[in-house]
N, C-alpha and C. Protein backbone atom coordinates (compact mmCIF):
# COMPACT_ATOMS: atom_id res chain seq x y z
N GLU A 1 -151.99 40.95 7.94
CA GLU A 1 -150.92 40.36 8.65
C GLU A 1 -151.55 39.50 9.82
N GLY A 2 -150.77 38.47 9.97
CA GLY A 2 -151.02 37.93 11.14
C GLY A 2 -152.14 37.16 10.83
N LYS A 3 -152.88 36.66 10.18
CA LYS A 3 -154.27 36.32 10.10
C LYS A 3 -153.93 34.84 10.38
N LEU A 4 -155.29 34.51 10.95
CA LEU A 4 -155.73 33.00 11.46
C LEU A 4 -156.64 32.77 10.33
N SER A 5 -156.29 31.63 9.87
CA SER A 5 -157.29 31.13 9.00
C SER A 5 -158.50 30.29 9.70
N ILE A 6 -159.45 30.16 8.78
CA ILE A 6 -160.93 29.88 9.19
C ILE A 6 -160.81 28.44 9.91
N ALA A 7 -159.75 27.63 9.43
CA ALA A 7 -159.64 26.26 9.53
C ALA A 7 -158.69 26.14 10.93
N ASP A 8 -157.95 26.92 10.70
CA ASP A 8 -157.23 26.66 12.43
C ASP A 8 -158.07 27.41 13.45
N ALA A 9 -158.44 28.55 13.48
CA ALA A 9 -159.65 28.70 14.36
C ALA A 9 -160.54 27.74 14.83
N MET A 10 -161.14 27.13 13.92
CA MET A 10 -162.14 25.97 14.25
C MET A 10 -161.30 24.96 14.96
N SER A 11 -160.00 24.53 14.47
CA SER A 11 -159.27 23.48 15.21
C SER A 11 -158.86 23.91 16.67
N LEU A 12 -158.55 25.34 16.73
CA LEU A 12 -157.98 25.93 18.11
C LEU A 12 -159.28 25.35 18.85
N LEU A 13 -160.45 25.62 18.44
CA LEU A 13 -161.41 25.98 19.48
C LEU A 13 -162.02 24.31 19.74
N ALA A 14 -162.17 23.57 18.52
CA ALA A 14 -162.19 22.03 18.58
C ALA A 14 -161.38 21.36 19.57
N ASN A 15 -160.13 21.51 19.83
CA ASN A 15 -159.03 20.93 20.45
C ASN A 15 -158.97 21.66 21.66
N ARG A 16 -159.61 22.50 21.76
CA ARG A 16 -159.30 23.29 23.29
C ARG A 16 -159.42 22.44 24.47
N PRO A 17 -158.59 22.29 25.75
CA PRO A 17 -158.96 21.59 26.53
C PRO A 17 -160.12 21.95 27.26
N GLU A 18 -160.93 20.81 28.00
CA GLU A 18 -162.21 21.32 28.33
C GLU A 18 -161.83 22.44 29.81
N GLN A 19 -160.75 22.04 30.01
CA GLN A 19 -160.69 23.36 31.65
C GLN A 19 -159.92 24.23 31.20
N GLY A 20 -159.66 24.48 29.66
CA GLY A 20 -158.82 25.76 29.25
C GLY A 20 -157.55 25.03 29.17
N TYR A 21 -156.52 26.14 28.70
CA TYR A 21 -155.02 26.06 28.84
C TYR A 21 -154.70 26.22 30.28
N GLU A 22 -153.28 25.48 30.35
CA GLU A 22 -152.71 25.64 31.46
C GLU A 22 -151.86 27.28 31.58
N SER A 23 -150.99 27.33 30.45
CA SER A 23 -150.25 28.74 30.53
C SER A 23 -150.14 29.09 29.23
N ASP A 24 -150.00 30.56 29.23
CA ASP A 24 -149.85 31.46 28.00
C ASP A 24 -149.01 30.21 26.86
N GLU A 25 -147.92 29.86 27.21
CA GLU A 25 -146.88 29.13 26.57
C GLU A 25 -147.82 28.00 25.89
N GLU A 26 -148.41 27.36 26.94
CA GLU A 26 -149.35 26.06 25.94
C GLU A 26 -150.02 26.42 25.04
N LEU A 27 -150.88 27.63 24.89
CA LEU A 27 -151.42 28.45 23.84
C LEU A 27 -150.71 28.80 22.38
N THR A 28 -149.68 29.77 23.06
CA THR A 28 -148.76 30.17 21.92
C THR A 28 -147.93 29.25 21.35
N GLU A 29 -148.09 27.99 21.51
CA GLU A 29 -146.73 27.15 20.86
C GLU A 29 -147.74 26.28 20.05
N LEU A 30 -148.98 26.27 19.93
CA LEU A 30 -149.90 25.36 19.08
C LEU A 30 -149.60 25.70 17.64
N ALA A 31 -149.57 24.47 16.96
CA ALA A 31 -149.35 24.23 15.55
C ALA A 31 -150.36 25.43 15.01
N GLU A 32 -151.63 25.39 15.08
CA GLU A 32 -152.46 26.29 14.57
C GLU A 32 -152.04 27.89 14.50
N LEU A 33 -151.07 28.15 15.34
CA LEU A 33 -150.86 29.81 15.52
C LEU A 33 -149.20 29.82 14.85
N GLU A 34 -148.94 28.86 14.09
CA GLU A 34 -147.56 28.80 13.59
C GLU A 34 -147.44 30.03 12.43
N ASN A 35 -148.79 30.10 11.50
CA ASN A 35 -148.83 31.01 10.65
C ASN A 35 -148.54 32.54 11.01
N VAL A 36 -149.35 32.66 11.97
CA VAL A 36 -149.27 33.92 12.80
C VAL A 36 -148.34 34.19 13.36
N ARG A 37 -147.59 33.18 14.02
CA ARG A 37 -146.37 33.65 14.64
C ARG A 37 -145.31 34.23 13.47
N SER A 38 -145.33 33.34 12.58
CA SER A 38 -144.20 33.73 11.41
C SER A 38 -144.54 34.83 10.41
N GLU A 39 -145.94 35.36 10.40
CA GLU A 39 -146.25 36.64 9.55
C GLU A 39 -145.96 37.75 10.49
N LEU A 40 -145.85 37.40 11.86
CA LEU A 40 -145.79 38.69 12.80
C LEU A 40 -144.38 38.78 13.32
N GLU A 41 -143.83 37.77 12.94
CA GLU A 41 -142.34 37.69 13.49
C GLU A 41 -142.42 37.78 15.01
N SER A 42 -143.24 36.98 15.81
CA SER A 42 -143.33 37.46 16.94
C SER A 42 -143.78 35.97 17.84
N ASP A 43 -143.31 36.29 18.89
CA ASP A 43 -143.58 34.75 19.88
C ASP A 43 -144.95 34.55 20.39
N LEU A 44 -145.90 36.05 20.22
CA LEU A 44 -147.53 36.07 20.60
C LEU A 44 -147.54 35.95 21.85
N SER A 45 -146.57 36.89 22.78
CA SER A 45 -146.48 37.07 24.18
C SER A 45 -147.77 37.72 24.47
N GLU A 46 -148.75 38.52 23.62
CA GLU A 46 -149.78 39.39 23.95
C GLU A 46 -150.90 38.81 24.12
N LEU A 47 -150.98 37.15 23.66
CA LEU A 47 -152.01 36.28 24.10
C LEU A 47 -151.92 35.68 25.34
N THR A 48 -153.12 35.61 25.95
CA THR A 48 -152.89 35.20 27.41
C THR A 48 -154.10 34.11 27.97
N VAL A 49 -153.99 33.40 28.57
CA VAL A 49 -155.05 32.53 28.95
C VAL A 49 -156.17 33.03 30.11
N LYS A 50 -155.70 34.04 30.67
CA LYS A 50 -156.12 34.56 31.91
C LYS A 50 -157.85 35.10 31.17
N SER A 51 -158.87 34.81 32.08
CA SER A 51 -160.17 35.16 31.33
C SER A 51 -160.70 36.51 32.01
N GLU A 52 -161.22 37.01 31.35
CA GLU A 52 -161.98 38.27 31.87
C GLU A 52 -163.42 38.54 31.29
N TYR A 53 -163.83 37.80 30.55
CA TYR A 53 -165.16 37.60 30.03
C TYR A 53 -165.94 36.46 30.58
N PHE A 54 -167.01 36.21 30.92
CA PHE A 54 -167.59 35.07 31.27
C PHE A 54 -168.96 35.02 31.07
N GLN A 55 -169.41 33.83 30.80
CA GLN A 55 -171.08 33.44 30.38
C GLN A 55 -171.62 32.91 31.79
N LEU A 56 -172.88 33.63 32.08
CA LEU A 56 -173.52 32.65 33.35
C LEU A 56 -174.63 32.63 32.59
N VAL A 57 -175.34 31.21 32.73
CA VAL A 57 -176.53 30.74 32.59
C VAL A 57 -177.29 30.13 33.44
N ALA A 58 -178.51 30.45 34.01
CA ALA A 58 -178.93 30.09 35.09
C ALA A 58 -180.44 29.81 34.84
N MET A 59 -181.24 28.40 35.57
CA MET A 59 -182.26 28.13 35.46
C MET A 59 -183.30 28.73 36.62
N ILE A 60 -184.18 29.69 36.14
CA ILE A 60 -184.97 30.24 37.42
C ILE A 60 -186.17 29.65 37.86
N GLN A 61 -186.47 29.09 38.72
CA GLN A 61 -187.94 28.66 39.10
C GLN A 61 -188.71 29.62 39.84
N TRP A 62 -189.59 30.02 39.66
CA TRP A 62 -190.78 30.83 40.54
C TRP A 62 -192.10 29.92 40.59
N GLY A 63 -192.46 29.56 41.46
CA GLY A 63 -193.61 28.39 41.40
C GLY A 63 -193.54 27.65 40.58
N GLU A 64 -194.34 27.88 39.75
CA GLU A 64 -194.76 26.98 38.22
C GLU A 64 -194.06 27.38 37.16
N ILE A 65 -193.27 28.62 37.13
CA ILE A 65 -192.63 29.17 36.18
C ILE A 65 -191.20 28.96 35.96
N GLU A 66 -190.75 28.54 34.90
CA GLU A 66 -189.13 28.04 34.85
C GLU A 66 -188.60 28.76 33.55
N MET A 67 -188.06 29.58 33.74
CA MET A 67 -187.10 30.64 32.84
C MET A 67 -185.43 30.32 32.62
N ARG A 68 -184.98 30.41 31.67
CA ARG A 68 -183.25 30.73 31.31
C ARG A 68 -182.93 32.13 31.22
N ALA A 69 -181.92 32.18 31.97
CA ALA A 69 -181.54 33.64 31.90
C ALA A 69 -179.77 33.40 31.48
N ARG A 70 -179.44 34.43 30.79
CA ARG A 70 -178.11 34.29 30.32
C ARG A 70 -177.50 35.52 30.19
N SER A 71 -176.13 35.71 30.79
CA SER A 71 -175.50 36.91 31.17
C SER A 71 -173.90 36.99 30.71
N VAL A 72 -173.63 38.17 29.88
CA VAL A 72 -172.08 37.88 29.62
C VAL A 72 -171.52 39.07 30.46
N LEU A 73 -170.78 38.55 31.16
CA LEU A 73 -169.87 39.41 32.30
C LEU A 73 -168.35 39.96 32.13
N HIS A 74 -167.93 41.11 32.54
CA HIS A 74 -166.73 41.36 32.21
C HIS A 74 -166.19 41.59 33.53
N LEU A 75 -165.03 41.05 33.80
CA LEU A 75 -164.38 41.27 35.08
C LEU A 75 -163.18 41.98 34.82
N ASN A 76 -162.95 43.14 35.48
CA ASN A 76 -162.05 44.10 35.24
C ASN A 76 -161.47 44.70 36.44
N GLN A 77 -160.67 44.42 37.04
CA GLN A 77 -159.61 45.14 38.24
C GLN A 77 -160.85 44.59 39.32
N GLY A 78 -160.99 43.51 39.72
CA GLY A 78 -162.22 42.89 40.57
C GLY A 78 -163.53 43.67 40.66
N ARG A 79 -163.94 44.36 39.72
CA ARG A 79 -165.25 44.78 39.37
C ARG A 79 -165.74 44.05 38.15
N VAL A 80 -167.06 43.71 38.23
CA VAL A 80 -167.56 43.05 37.44
C VAL A 80 -169.09 43.87 36.78
N GLN A 81 -168.97 44.05 35.32
CA GLN A 81 -169.88 44.52 34.43
C GLN A 81 -170.47 43.70 33.62
N THR A 82 -172.02 43.90 33.50
CA THR A 82 -172.80 43.10 32.60
C THR A 82 -172.91 43.54 31.33
N LEU A 83 -172.52 42.74 30.45
CA LEU A 83 -172.34 43.61 29.14
C LEU A 83 -173.89 43.13 28.37
N TYR A 84 -174.17 41.88 28.66
CA TYR A 84 -175.46 41.35 28.02
C TYR A 84 -176.58 40.43 28.97
N ARG A 85 -177.86 40.16 28.88
CA ARG A 85 -178.64 39.80 29.41
C ARG A 85 -179.63 39.65 28.86
N ALA A 86 -180.09 38.47 29.06
CA ALA A 86 -181.40 37.78 28.31
C ALA A 86 -182.25 36.52 28.95
N MET A 87 -183.21 36.80 29.23
CA MET A 87 -184.09 35.74 29.99
C MET A 87 -185.18 35.29 28.50
N GLY A 88 -185.24 33.80 28.69
CA GLY A 88 -185.90 32.93 28.18
C GLY A 88 -184.89 32.17 27.53
N ASP A 89 -185.10 31.55 26.29
CA ASP A 89 -184.20 30.78 25.69
C ASP A 89 -183.78 31.51 24.62
């Protein structure tokens, strides 16, 4: 129920504005979500453009050594939790 096709999901990602969507309404009115709206008979008001998850990518240099670090962070009620951290490529 309320399935999003692979093609529609790929289209959503490929056409997403670089700075993200301005509002929840802008997202929920997209043509790619029409099948989901119809199947669920819903306005998809549970979808939001607010971000809670962030990816941090940093280049670290210590003398002659350079390394890339990646972290996935979750922001919840003003607190940040690191969900994943990796060093190197």
